[in-house]
Amino acid sequence: AQAVLPVTATIGGVEVPVSYAGLTPGYVGLYQVNVTLSGGVPTGDNLPVVIRQNGIESNPHLPIRISIR
């Protein structure tokens, strides 16, 4: 099920488009956020990833797994 409220994401301070935000099929209570990375996203080993929904931000200092397909 998709998230009801809009979700935004930034990587290294650059906003990236969210293509899906919601429950992960087959995993109870696990949410996923899919974003599209473009050439404008900075590169590096320690970039803050921030997810926002309903005025609440994720902690940019926690490691978040990023998978590129």
Protein backbone atom coordinates (compact mmCIF):
# COMPACT_ATOMS: atom_id res chain seq x y z
CA ALA A 1 0.00 0.00 0.00
CA GLN A 2 1.29 3.42 -0.92
CA ALA A 3 1.75 6.18 1.64
CA VAL A 4 -1.30 8.45 1.91
CA LEU A 5 0.64 11.64 2.68
CA PRO A 6 3.25 12.96 0.20
CA VAL A 7 6.87 11.94 0.77
CA THR A 8 9.93 13.96 -0.32
CA ALA A 9 13.60 13.00 -0.29
CA THR A 10 16.95 14.76 -0.53
CA ILE A 11 20.42 13.31 -1.01
CA GLY A 12 23.31 15.60 -0.18
CA GLY A 13 20.83 18.49 0.00
CA VAL A 14 19.51 17.89 -3.53
CA GLU A 15 15.82 16.97 -3.85
CA VAL A 16 15.24 13.72 -5.73
CA PRO A 17 11.90 12.54 -7.17
CA VAL A 18 10.10 9.87 -5.12
CA SER A 19 8.61 7.19 -7.39
CA TYR A 20 7.16 5.04 -4.58
CA ALA A 21 6.71 5.32 -0.83
CA GLY A 22 4.78 2.72 1.11
CA LEU A 23 4.73 -0.74 2.57
CA THR A 24 7.18 -3.31 1.24
CA PRO A 25 5.35 -6.36 -0.15
CA GLY A 26 6.00 -9.50 1.89
CA TYR A 27 7.42 -7.66 4.95
CA VAL A 28 5.14 -6.71 7.82
CA GLY A 29 5.60 -3.10 8.95
CA LEU A 30 8.55 -2.35 6.63
CA TYR A 31 8.26 0.79 4.52
CA GLN A 32 10.37 1.57 1.49
CA VAL A 33 11.03 4.75 -0.46
CA ASN A 34 12.14 4.52 -4.10
CA VAL A 35 13.78 7.58 -5.64
CA THR A 36 15.23 8.42 -9.05
CA LEU A 37 18.86 9.53 -9.05
CA SER A 38 19.98 11.98 -11.72
CA GLY A 39 23.27 13.54 -12.73
CA GLY A 40 22.65 16.43 -10.33
CA VAL A 41 22.92 14.27 -7.21
CA PRO A 42 26.29 14.72 -5.47
CA THR A 43 28.58 11.73 -5.07
CA GLY A 44 30.59 10.64 -2.08
CA ASP A 45 30.77 8.19 0.79
CA ASN A 46 29.01 10.20 3.50
CA LEU A 47 26.03 12.07 2.05
CA PRO A 48 23.00 12.87 4.21
CA VAL A 49 19.81 11.18 3.01
CA VAL A 50 16.67 12.85 4.37
CA ILE A 51 13.13 11.54 3.94
CA ARG A 52 10.26 13.92 4.84
CA GLN A 53 6.58 13.21 5.40
CA ASN A 54 3.97 15.41 7.07
CA GLY A 55 6.64 17.84 8.32
CA ILE A 56 8.73 15.11 9.98
CA GLU A 57 12.30 14.42 8.80
CA SER A 58 14.41 11.30 9.09
CA ASN A 59 17.72 11.54 10.92
CA PRO A 60 20.39 12.42 8.31
CA HIS A 61 23.12 10.87 10.48
CA LEU A 62 21.77 7.31 10.40
CA PRO A 63 22.99 4.92 7.71
CA ILE A 64 20.39 4.19 5.04
CA ARG A 65 20.86 1.41 2.52
CA ILE A 66 20.84 2.62 -1.07
CA SER A 67 20.39 0.12 -3.87
CA ILE A 68 20.87 1.16 -7.49
CA ARG A 69 19.09 -0.87 -10.18
